Each structure stands twice: as structure tokens, then as C-alpha cells.
C-alpha atoms as a PDB file:
ATOM      1  CA  UNK A   1       3.867  24.160  -9.515  1.00  0.00           C
ATOM      2  CA  UNK A   2       6.653  22.346  -7.710  1.00  0.00           C
ATOM      3  CA  UNK A   3       7.730  23.030  -4.150  1.00  0.00           C
ATOM      4  CA  UNK A   4      10.887  22.055  -2.323  1.00  0.00           C
ATOM      5  CA  UNK A   5      10.300  19.636   0.550  1.00  0.00           C
ATOM      6  CA  UNK A   6      12.616  17.985   2.988  1.00  0.00           C
ATOM      7  CA  UNK A   7      12.452  14.421   4.254  1.00  0.00           C
ATOM      8  CA  UNK A   8      14.841  11.718   5.374  1.00  0.00           C
ATOM      9  CA  UNK A   9      15.720   8.480   3.558  1.00  0.00           C
ATOM     10  CA  UNK A  10      17.768   5.568   4.748  1.00  0.00           C
ATOM     11  CA  UNK A  11      21.161   5.086   3.097  1.00  0.00           C
ATOM     12  CA  UNK A  12      19.771   1.946   1.441  1.00  0.00           C
ATOM     13  CA  UNK A  13      16.761   3.727  -0.007  1.00  0.00           C
ATOM     14  CA  UNK A  14      18.819   6.678  -1.190  1.00  0.00           C
ATOM     15  CA  UNK A  15      21.292   4.318  -2.818  1.00  0.00           C
ATOM     16  CA  UNK A  16      18.490   2.450  -4.627  1.00  0.00           C
ATOM     17  CA  UNK A  17      16.982   5.769  -5.700  1.00  0.00           C
ATOM     18  CA  UNK A  18      20.302   7.038  -7.054  1.00  0.00           C
ATOM     19  CA  UNK A  19      20.862   3.741  -8.919  1.00  0.00           C
ATOM     20  CA  UNK A  20      17.468   3.782 -10.570  1.00  0.00           C
ATOM     21  CA  UNK A  21      17.962   7.440 -11.406  1.00  0.00           C
ATOM     22  CA  UNK A  22      21.170   6.632 -13.218  1.00  0.00           C
ATOM     23  CA  UNK A  23      19.785   3.558 -14.957  1.00  0.00           C
ATOM     24  CA  UNK A  24      16.662   5.310 -16.255  1.00  0.00           C
ATOM     25  CA  UNK A  25      18.127   8.764 -16.855  1.00  0.00           C
ATOM     26  CA  UNK A  26      15.351  10.190 -14.699  1.00  0.00           C
ATOM     27  CA  UNK A  27      15.914  12.665 -11.930  1.00  0.00           C
ATOM     28  CA  UNK A  28      15.450  11.455  -8.390  1.00  0.00           C
ATOM     29  CA  UNK A  29      12.653  14.016  -8.083  1.00  0.00           C
ATOM     30  CA  UNK A  30      10.838  12.453 -11.049  1.00  0.00           C
ATOM     31  CA  UNK A  31      11.160   8.966  -9.568  1.00  0.00           C
ATOM     32  CA  UNK A  32       9.993  10.013  -6.134  1.00  0.00           C
ATOM     33  CA  UNK A  33       7.051  11.991  -7.549  1.00  0.00           C
ATOM     34  CA  UNK A  34       5.908   9.133  -9.821  1.00  0.00           C
ATOM     35  CA  UNK A  35       6.389   6.557  -7.094  1.00  0.00           C
ATOM     36  CA  UNK A  36       4.274   8.490  -4.595  1.00  0.00           C
ATOM     37  CA  UNK A  37       1.552   9.082  -7.176  1.00  0.00           C
ATOM     38  CA  UNK A  38       1.440   5.373  -8.084  1.00  0.00           C
ATOM     39  CA  UNK A  39       1.405   4.367  -4.387  1.00  0.00           C
ATOM     40  CA  UNK A  40      -1.513   6.716  -3.642  1.00  0.00           C
ATOM     41  CA  UNK A  41      -3.466   5.385  -6.633  1.00  0.00           C
ATOM     42  CA  UNK A  42      -2.811   1.813  -5.434  1.00  0.00           C
ATOM     43  CA  UNK A  43      -4.151   2.690  -2.016  1.00  0.00           C
ATOM     44  CA  UNK A  44      -7.257   4.254  -3.533  1.00  0.00           C
ATOM     45  CA  UNK A  45      -7.903   1.165  -5.670  1.00  0.00           C
ATOM     46  CA  UNK A  46      -7.485  -1.148  -2.712  1.00  0.00           C
ATOM     47  CA  UNK A  47      -9.829   0.966  -0.586  1.00  0.00           C
ATOM     48  CA  UNK A  48     -12.396   1.002  -3.368  1.00  0.00           C
ATOM     49  CA  UNK A  49     -12.060  -2.752  -3.706  1.00  0.00           C
ATOM     50  CA  UNK A  50     -12.804  -3.286  -0.030  1.00  0.00           C
ATOM     51  CA  UNK A  51     -15.783  -0.950  -0.148  1.00  0.00           C
ATOM     52  CA  UNK A  52     -17.306  -3.168  -2.789  1.00  0.00           C
ATOM     53  CA  UNK A  53     -18.072  -5.635  -0.019  1.00  0.00           C
ATOM     54  CA  UNK A  54     -19.880  -3.056   2.136  1.00  0.00           C
ATOM     55  CA  UNK A  55     -23.390  -4.132   2.915  1.00  0.00           C
ATOM     56  CA  UNK A  56     -22.993  -7.591   1.365  1.00  0.00           C
ATOM     57  CA  UNK A  57     -22.231  -9.479   4.576  1.00  0.00           C
ATOM     58  CA  UNK A  58     -24.570 -10.300   7.381  1.00  0.00           C
ATOM     59  CA  UNK A  59     -23.651  -9.293  10.868  1.00  0.00           C
ATOM     60  CA  UNK A  60     -22.526 -12.781  11.863  1.00  0.00           C
ATOM     61  CA  UNK A  61     -20.409 -13.202   8.779  1.00  0.00           C
ATOM     62  CA  UNK A  62     -18.729  -9.873   9.367  1.00  0.00           C
ATOM     63  CA  UNK A  63     -18.055 -10.724  12.985  1.00  0.00           C
ATOM     64  CA  UNK A  64     -16.492 -14.089  11.958  1.00  0.00           C
ATOM     65  CA  UNK A  65     -14.264 -12.370   9.414  1.00  0.00           C
ATOM     66  CA  UNK A  66     -13.102  -9.766  11.928  1.00  0.00           C
ATOM     67  CA  UNK A  67     -12.454 -12.528  14.431  1.00  0.00           C
ATOM     68  CA  UNK A  68     -10.338 -14.424  11.890  1.00  0.00           C
ATOM     69  CA  UNK A  69      -8.423 -11.280  10.974  1.00  0.00           C
ATOM     70  CA  UNK A  70      -7.644 -10.522  14.619  1.00  0.00           C
ATOM     71  CA  UNK A  71      -6.567 -14.146  15.221  1.00  0.00           C
ATOM     72  CA  UNK A  72      -4.363 -14.239  12.134  1.00  0.00           C
ATOM     73  CA  UNK A  73      -2.828 -10.877  12.933  1.00  0.00           C
ATOM     74  CA  UNK A  74      -1.778 -12.134  16.354  1.00  0.00           C
ATOM     75  CA  UNK A  75      -0.485 -15.428  14.945  1.00  0.00           C
ATOM     76  CA  UNK A  76       0.935 -13.997  11.678  1.00  0.00           C
ATOM     77  CA  UNK A  77      -0.998 -16.524   9.608  1.00  0.00           C
ATOM     78  CA  UNK A  78      -2.604 -15.783   6.300  1.00  0.00           C
ATOM     79  CA  UNK A  79      -4.279 -19.089   5.488  1.00  0.00           C
ATOM     80  CA  UNK A  80      -7.891 -17.936   5.598  1.00  0.00           C
ATOM     81  CA  UNK A  81      -9.368 -16.533   2.426  1.00  0.00           C
ATOM     82  CA  UNK A  82     -12.550 -14.535   1.949  1.00  0.00           C
ATOM     83  CA  UNK A  83     -14.862 -16.187  -0.556  1.00  0.00           C
ATOM     84  CA  UNK A  84     -18.198 -14.625  -1.419  1.00  0.00           C
END
């Protein structure tokens, strides 16, 4: 069952949505619905991927990783990579 909802989009996003709708012969509703579903599935996969590491790190390793994440977040660097 479909329900009507209301939300705001920027002019840029609305223009892109209208363009894709015209190019694909899909309604904007179809595009928004499929895009949201795909985005949610992507989030679920990423979360499941991170949970695969749960319990595999020692306390010190986990602390070092969190420290690196916080440092990189502040400095906007992404050079460090997690290798297990």
C-alpha cells in the first residue's frame, strides 16, 4: 500500500530527479522509492560488515583503532587502514 508523504528537496536534487525520470521513463516516485530501498540495504550491509569484526580485536587494538579514527576525523585524513 502506498501513502502520500511530504518532504523538501533542493532545486538541484529535484532537477536531477526530474532529469533521471525523463531519461528512464520512470516516475519520480519510483526513483525515490527504489533509491531509498537501495540506500537502506547498503547501510544494512555496511553495518553487518562492521559487526563481523566484533570480538576479534583485543582491548588495546580496539583502543588504538578508536584513537586513530578520532585523530583522522579531526584532521580529515584517511591514510590509516585496518588490516586484520
